[in-house]
Protein backbone atom coordinates (compact mmCIF):
# COMPACT_ATOMS: atom_id res chain seq x y z
CA UNK A 1 12.36 -16.80 19.79
CA UNK A 2 9.66 -16.26 17.21
CA UNK A 3 8.74 -13.68 14.55
CA UNK A 4 5.30 -13.30 12.99
CA UNK A 5 3.99 -10.90 10.36
CA UNK A 6 0.24 -10.31 10.64
CA UNK A 7 -2.57 -8.49 8.86
CA UNK A 8 -5.63 -7.59 10.91
CA UNK A 9 -8.82 -6.78 9.03
CA UNK A 10 -12.14 -5.45 10.30
CA UNK A 11 -12.96 -2.31 12.28
CA UNK A 12 -9.35 -1.44 13.13
CA UNK A 13 -8.95 2.22 12.17
CA UNK A 14 -9.96 5.31 14.13
CA UNK A 15 -10.04 3.38 17.43
CA UNK A 16 -6.40 3.67 18.57
CA UNK A 17 -5.64 0.12 17.40
CA UNK A 18 -1.96 0.89 16.75
CA UNK A 19 -1.58 2.39 20.25
CA UNK A 20 -3.25 -0.73 21.71
CA UNK A 21 -0.76 -2.90 19.82
CA UNK A 22 2.25 -0.76 20.87
CA UNK A 23 1.24 -0.64 24.54
CA UNK A 24 0.77 -4.42 24.70
CA UNK A 25 3.93 -5.16 22.70
CA UNK A 26 5.91 -3.03 25.17
CA UNK A 27 4.34 -4.87 28.15
CA UNK A 28 5.24 -8.21 26.57
CA UNK A 29 8.78 -7.08 25.66
CA UNK A 30 8.17 -7.64 21.95
CA UNK A 31 10.07 -5.92 19.16
CA UNK A 32 8.80 -5.01 15.69
CA UNK A 33 6.33 -2.52 14.27
CA UNK A 34 2.69 -1.74 13.49
CA UNK A 35 1.18 0.46 10.77
CA UNK A 36 -2.11 1.30 9.11
CA UNK A 37 -2.68 0.20 5.55
CA UNK A 38 -5.71 1.38 3.55
CA UNK A 39 -8.25 -1.00 5.14
CA UNK A 40 -6.28 -3.09 7.65
CA UNK A 41 -3.51 -2.98 10.22
CA UNK A 42 -0.20 -4.72 9.57
CA UNK A 43 2.30 -5.66 12.28
CA UNK A 44 5.45 -7.66 13.02
CA UNK A 45 6.21 -9.14 16.43
CA UNK A 46 9.49 -10.66 17.56
CA UNK A 47 10.09 -12.12 20.99
CA UNK A 48 9.62 -15.18 23.12
CA UNK A 49 7.23 -17.74 21.63
CA UNK A 50 4.88 -17.45 24.61
CA UNK A 51 4.72 -13.64 24.44
CA UNK A 52 4.15 -13.64 20.68
CA UNK A 53 1.30 -16.10 21.29
CA UNK A 54 -0.19 -13.80 23.98
CA UNK A 55 0.02 -10.87 21.56
CA UNK A 56 -1.80 -12.80 18.84
CA UNK A 57 -4.63 -13.54 21.30
CA UNK A 58 -4.86 -9.80 22.06
CA UNK A 59 -4.95 -9.03 18.33
CA UNK A 60 -8.01 -11.25 17.92
CA UNK A 61 -10.06 -8.96 20.16
CA UNK A 62 -8.33 -5.59 19.90
CA UNK A 63 -9.25 -2.47 21.88
CA UNK A 64 -12.77 -1.32 22.65
CA UNK A 65 -14.60 -0.60 19.38
CA UNK A 66 -12.66 -3.15 17.34
CA UNK A 67 -14.40 -5.83 15.31
CA UNK A 68 -11.82 -8.23 13.90
CA UNK A 69 -13.02 -10.08 10.81
CA UNK A 70 -9.74 -11.82 9.88
CA UNK A 71 -6.22 -12.29 11.15
CA UNK A 72 -3.62 -13.48 8.62
CA UNK A 73 -0.46 -14.77 10.35
CA UNK A 74 2.84 -15.71 8.69
CA UNK A 75 5.93 -16.94 10.52
CA UNK A 76 9.18 -15.36 9.38
CA UNK A 77 12.88 -15.64 10.18
CA UNK A 78 14.08 -13.57 13.12
CA UNK A 79 15.47 -10.22 11.95
CA UNK A 80 16.58 -8.96 15.37
CA UNK A 81 14.35 -5.89 15.61
CA UNK A 82 15.70 -3.35 18.09
CA UNK A 83 12.45 -1.85 19.45
CA UNK A 84 8.72 -1.73 18.83
CA UNK A 85 7.49 1.23 16.84
CA UNK A 86 4.41 2.69 15.20
CA UNK A 87 5.16 3.33 11.55
CA UNK A 88 3.33 6.03 9.62
């Protein structure tokens, strides 16, 4: 099991980036959350190491219209998230 906390900067707002993250997190059986911050998207993923890795690869490209300029990744201790949600 692995948990990462990421910040994704670039063109990430107004293009359904959070929905893209949620849909893929659900497919990969990841738990955690995603939310918009003023000029970036922040997310936490918990799950199998291989699925967290797959999610990070998806975050580097994003949905159509995204232009990722930086991805800051920090590993954290597992907090046993119960689901994956979009925070507002």
